[in-house]
Protein backbone atom coordinates (compact mmCIF):
# COMPACT_ATOMS: atom_id res chain seq x y z
CA MET A 1 -92.37 -168.92 71.51
CA THR A 2 -89.10 -167.83 73.13
CA ARG A 3 -85.72 -168.21 71.53
CA TYR A 4 -82.63 -167.94 73.76
CA PHE A 5 -79.15 -167.67 72.29
CA TRP A 6 -76.18 -168.17 74.62
CA LEU A 7 -72.63 -169.43 74.64
CA LEU A 8 -70.50 -170.34 77.61
CA VAL A 9 -66.74 -170.55 77.96
CA PRO A 10 -66.20 -172.60 81.15
CA LEU A 11 -63.05 -172.95 83.19
CA PHE A 12 -62.20 -176.64 82.86
CA LEU A 13 -60.95 -177.05 86.42
CA THR A 14 -64.24 -175.91 87.93
CA ALA A 15 -66.94 -176.86 85.41
CA CYS A 16 -66.03 -180.21 83.89
CA ASN A 17 -67.81 -183.22 85.36
CA SER A 18 -69.10 -181.12 88.24
CA GLY A 19 -72.60 -182.58 88.03
CA ASP A 20 -74.02 -179.04 88.44
CA ASP A 21 -76.25 -177.87 85.57
CA SER A 22 -76.18 -174.21 86.62
CA ILE A 23 -74.05 -171.68 84.74
CA PRO A 24 -70.75 -171.01 86.56
CA GLU A 25 -70.26 -167.42 87.71
CA ASN A 26 -66.87 -167.30 85.97
CA SER A 27 -68.38 -168.13 82.57
CA THR A 28 -68.08 -165.52 79.85
CA PRO A 29 -71.45 -163.74 79.52
CA ILE A 30 -72.88 -162.93 76.11
CA GLU A 31 -76.06 -161.33 74.82
CA VAL A 32 -79.34 -163.17 75.52
CA SER A 33 -82.50 -162.53 73.47
CA SER A 34 -86.13 -163.53 73.99
CA ILE A 35 -88.94 -163.00 71.45
CA THR A 36 -92.58 -163.67 72.35
CA ASN A 37 -95.59 -163.50 70.04
CA PHE A 38 -98.72 -163.92 72.15
CA ASN A 39 -100.67 -165.21 69.17
CA GLU A 40 -98.78 -168.46 69.88
CA GLY A 41 -99.54 -168.51 73.65
CA ASP A 42 -98.39 -166.89 76.88
CA ASP A 43 -94.79 -168.23 76.63
CA ASN A 44 -94.52 -168.25 80.48
CA TRP A 45 -95.47 -164.59 80.84
CA VAL A 46 -97.67 -164.07 83.91
CA ALA A 47 -100.28 -161.35 84.48
CA SER A 48 -100.23 -159.40 87.77
CA PHE A 49 -101.88 -156.33 89.30
CA SER A 50 -100.87 -153.92 92.05
CA ASP A 51 -101.88 -150.78 93.93
CA TYR A 52 -105.41 -151.88 94.74
CA PRO A 53 -107.08 -153.26 97.91
CA VAL A 54 -107.28 -157.03 97.54
CA ASP A 55 -110.47 -157.19 99.61
CA ASP A 56 -112.18 -154.96 97.00
CA LYS A 57 -110.83 -156.87 94.01
CA ASP A 58 -114.24 -157.43 92.41
CA ILE A 59 -115.00 -153.73 91.89
CA PHE A 60 -111.74 -153.32 89.94
CA GLN A 61 -113.01 -155.65 87.17
CA LEU A 62 -109.57 -157.20 86.73
CA GLU A 63 -109.18 -159.49 83.72
CA SER A 64 -106.28 -161.19 81.99
CA GLY A 65 -105.45 -163.98 79.56
CA ILE A 66 -104.89 -164.78 75.89
CA ASN A 67 -107.82 -163.40 73.89
CA GLU A 68 -108.66 -162.34 70.36
CA ILE A 69 -107.63 -158.73 69.69
CA PRO A 70 -110.49 -156.53 68.42
CA ASN A 71 -110.03 -155.19 64.87
CA SER A 72 -107.12 -157.59 64.24
CA ASN A 73 -108.66 -160.20 61.91
CA GLY A 74 -108.48 -162.98 64.48
CA GLN A 75 -105.04 -162.34 65.95
CA ARG A 76 -104.66 -163.12 69.64
CA GLY A 77 -102.91 -161.13 72.35
CA PHE A 78 -102.43 -161.10 76.13
CA LEU A 79 -105.27 -159.03 77.57
CA LEU A 80 -104.84 -156.96 80.72
CA GLY A 81 -107.85 -154.98 81.88
CA GLY A 82 -109.02 -153.18 84.99
CA MET A 83 -111.13 -150.34 86.37
CA ASN A 84 -108.76 -147.92 88.08
CA ARG A 85 -110.78 -147.08 91.19
CA SER A 86 -107.61 -146.53 93.24
CA ASP A 87 -106.32 -143.84 90.83
CA ASP A 88 -103.03 -145.75 90.63
CA LEU A 89 -103.67 -149.25 89.24
CA PHE A 90 -100.59 -151.02 87.86
CA MET A 91 -101.30 -153.87 85.42
CA PHE A 92 -98.27 -155.80 84.20
CA LEU A 93 -96.82 -158.91 82.59
CA LYS A 94 -93.70 -160.50 84.04
CA LYS A 95 -91.34 -163.25 82.97
CA GLN A 96 -88.25 -164.87 84.46
CA VAL A 97 -85.31 -164.87 82.03
CA VAL A 98 -82.89 -167.67 82.91
CA ASP A 99 -79.52 -169.00 81.73
CA LEU A 100 -77.68 -165.78 82.56
CA VAL A 101 -74.28 -165.68 84.20
CA PRO A 102 -74.82 -165.14 87.96
CA ASN A 103 -74.13 -161.77 89.60
CA THR A 104 -73.53 -160.09 86.25
CA ARG A 105 -74.64 -156.65 85.10
CA TYR A 106 -76.76 -156.57 81.93
CA LEU A 107 -78.12 -153.73 79.79
CA LEU A 108 -81.82 -154.25 79.06
CA THR A 109 -83.57 -153.25 75.83
CA VAL A 110 -87.22 -154.09 75.11
CA ASP A 111 -89.74 -153.63 72.30
CA VAL A 112 -93.44 -153.94 73.16
CA ASN A 113 -96.31 -154.06 70.66
CA PHE A 114 -99.76 -153.62 72.17
CA TRP A 115 -103.30 -152.65 71.13
CA SER A 116 -105.21 -149.82 72.80
CA GLU A 117 -108.55 -148.06 72.28
CA ALA A 118 -107.42 -144.73 73.77
CA GLY A 119 -107.07 -141.69 71.51
CA ASN A 120 -104.87 -138.62 71.96
CA VAL A 121 -105.77 -135.60 74.11
CA CYS A 122 -108.99 -137.11 75.40
CA PHE A 123 -110.61 -136.23 78.70
CA GLY A 124 -111.68 -138.63 81.44
CA ILE A 125 -112.15 -139.05 85.17
CA GLY A 126 -108.96 -138.00 86.96
CA GLY A 127 -107.01 -137.80 83.71
CA SER A 128 -106.84 -138.81 80.08
CA PRO A 129 -107.65 -142.45 79.19
CA GLY A 130 -104.61 -142.42 76.89
CA ASP A 131 -102.14 -139.75 77.93
CA SER A 132 -102.51 -140.45 81.67
CA VAL A 133 -101.90 -144.21 81.41
CA TYR A 134 -98.13 -144.64 81.31
CA MET A 135 -96.30 -147.63 79.85
CA LYS A 136 -93.34 -148.88 81.90
CA VAL A 137 -90.61 -151.44 81.34
CA GLY A 138 -88.27 -152.77 83.99
CA ALA A 139 -86.35 -155.65 85.48
CA SER A 140 -85.28 -156.94 88.89
CA GLU A 141 -83.60 -159.87 90.57
CA ILE A 142 -86.70 -159.94 92.82
CA GLU A 143 -89.93 -161.28 91.34
CA PRO A 144 -92.21 -158.22 90.85
CA ALA A 145 -95.43 -158.52 92.86
CA GLN A 146 -97.90 -156.59 94.96
CA ALA A 147 -96.79 -156.51 98.60
CA ASP A 148 -99.80 -155.66 100.81
CA TYR A 149 -100.88 -152.79 98.55
CA TYR A 150 -97.93 -151.36 96.60
CA MET A 151 -95.28 -153.07 94.49
CA ASN A 152 -92.38 -154.81 96.22
CA ILE A 153 -89.93 -153.03 93.88
CA ASP A 154 -89.54 -149.39 92.84
CA ILE A 155 -91.51 -148.73 89.64
CA GLY A 156 -91.98 -145.00 90.28
CA HIS A 157 -95.37 -143.28 90.35
CA GLN A 158 -97.40 -142.88 87.15
CA SER A 159 -95.37 -140.49 84.92
CA SER A 160 -92.20 -140.82 87.04
CA ASP A 161 -89.47 -143.44 86.70
CA GLY A 162 -88.36 -145.75 89.48
CA SER A 163 -85.05 -147.44 90.15
CA ASP A 164 -86.49 -150.70 88.76
CA ALA A 165 -88.58 -149.35 85.86
CA LEU A 166 -88.63 -146.56 83.28
CA VAL A 167 -91.52 -144.81 81.53
CA VAL A 168 -91.44 -145.59 77.80
CA GLY A 169 -94.62 -143.82 76.63
CA ASN A 170 -98.36 -143.94 77.16
CA VAL A 171 -101.30 -145.90 75.73
CA SER A 172 -102.76 -143.20 73.46
CA VAL A 173 -102.83 -144.05 69.74
CA ASP A 174 -102.79 -141.41 66.98
CA GLY A 175 -105.99 -141.26 64.97
CA LEU A 176 -108.29 -143.06 67.40
CA SER A 177 -111.53 -141.45 68.53
CA CYS A 178 -112.06 -140.35 72.11
CA GLU A 179 -115.25 -142.41 72.10
CA GLY A 180 -113.32 -145.68 72.36
CA GLY A 181 -114.42 -149.05 71.05
CA GLU A 182 -111.88 -149.28 68.21
CA PHE A 183 -108.46 -150.78 68.91
CA ALA A 184 -105.19 -150.03 67.11
CA MET A 185 -101.60 -151.14 67.59
CA LYS A 186 -98.79 -149.10 69.13
CA GLN A 187 -95.13 -149.82 69.82
CA VAL A 188 -93.06 -148.57 72.75
CA SER A 189 -89.38 -149.34 73.34
CA LEU A 190 -86.75 -149.24 76.03
CA MET A 191 -83.73 -148.26 73.98
CA SER A 192 -80.07 -148.86 74.74
CA ASP A 193 -79.46 -145.11 75.21
CA ALA A 194 -81.71 -145.24 78.30
CA LYS A 195 -78.89 -147.28 79.89
CA PHE A 196 -81.22 -149.35 82.06
CA GLU A 197 -79.08 -151.98 83.78
CA VAL A 198 -79.94 -154.94 86.00
CA VAL A 199 -77.76 -157.41 87.90
CA SER A 200 -78.59 -161.11 87.55
CA SER A 201 -79.29 -163.16 90.66
CA PRO A 202 -76.76 -165.58 92.20
CA TYR A 203 -78.72 -168.27 90.33
CA GLY A 204 -78.43 -166.58 86.92
CA TYR A 205 -81.87 -165.10 86.31
CA VAL A 206 -83.72 -161.78 86.24
CA TRP A 207 -87.42 -160.90 86.11
CA VAL A 208 -88.43 -158.62 83.22
CA PHE A 209 -91.80 -156.87 83.23
CA VAL A 210 -93.92 -154.53 81.08
CA GLY A 211 -97.05 -152.76 82.23
CA SER A 212 -99.30 -149.73 82.50
CA ASP A 213 -99.37 -147.32 85.47
CA SER A 214 -102.69 -145.50 85.37
CA GLY A 215 -103.77 -142.05 86.49
CA TYR A 216 -107.06 -142.39 84.61
CA GLU A 217 -109.90 -143.40 86.94
CA GLY A 218 -111.72 -145.54 84.41
CA LEU A 219 -111.52 -148.83 82.55
CA THR A 220 -108.33 -149.63 80.61
CA ARG A 221 -108.05 -152.71 78.40
CA LEU A 222 -104.77 -153.47 76.60
CA TYR A 223 -103.91 -156.41 74.35
CA TYR A 224 -100.18 -157.18 74.27
CA GLU A 225 -99.24 -158.53 70.84
CA SER A 226 -95.52 -159.19 71.32
CA VAL A 227 -92.54 -158.50 73.56
CA SER A 228 -88.88 -158.67 72.48
CA ILE A 229 -86.14 -158.61 75.12
CA THR A 230 -82.38 -158.30 74.85
CA LEU A 231 -79.97 -158.52 77.79
CA THR A 232 -76.44 -157.43 76.89
CA PRO A 233 -73.61 -157.93 79.40
CA VAL A 234 -71.95 -154.73 80.54
CA LEU A 235 -68.24 -155.44 80.25
């Protein structure tokens, strides 16, 4: 369930009785927060995949949806899974955050809780199943999507940042075996000191996304438990 908190200070000459439900560009922007617990449903988050040949989709074993998290006593999360045969599979969740002031710069902070079965310093095909699968967080006015083969925005490449996304960790979890099969929870965060900023669209929205950029040429399955977003206007 998402909770948005916003307050607008309109200019009376332009906003009163205008018949337009959109937020005026000259409104005073304030902080907007969104909290999602996937045990309660997808809350309008959408699963997407990129950096794979669409014609060979079946061999990538792509899967997504709200499912029970292993080892969690019945808790549900948003599953993203895929076999990284391209050596660069990007699996991500995206959501449009609305009710922002148009054409306004916001500072993005995000907390992501997810469950992984990858241990530390483990070896696999092409890289480590934990240390070589990088978690990224980003935002854009443009809806993030695969365009032909690669992403239509700049997310960087595996361990590198892009102009629209930053690396916030990897999917390895301390204490897990390299054999896999047991899931445990991990948190990654995009903190305010990263100074990741995004400009809202002329219609007052941005797309926020979280995902994994894999250099491990095997199967990765992640269960997202929750995502918390804060967009703070840069004044």
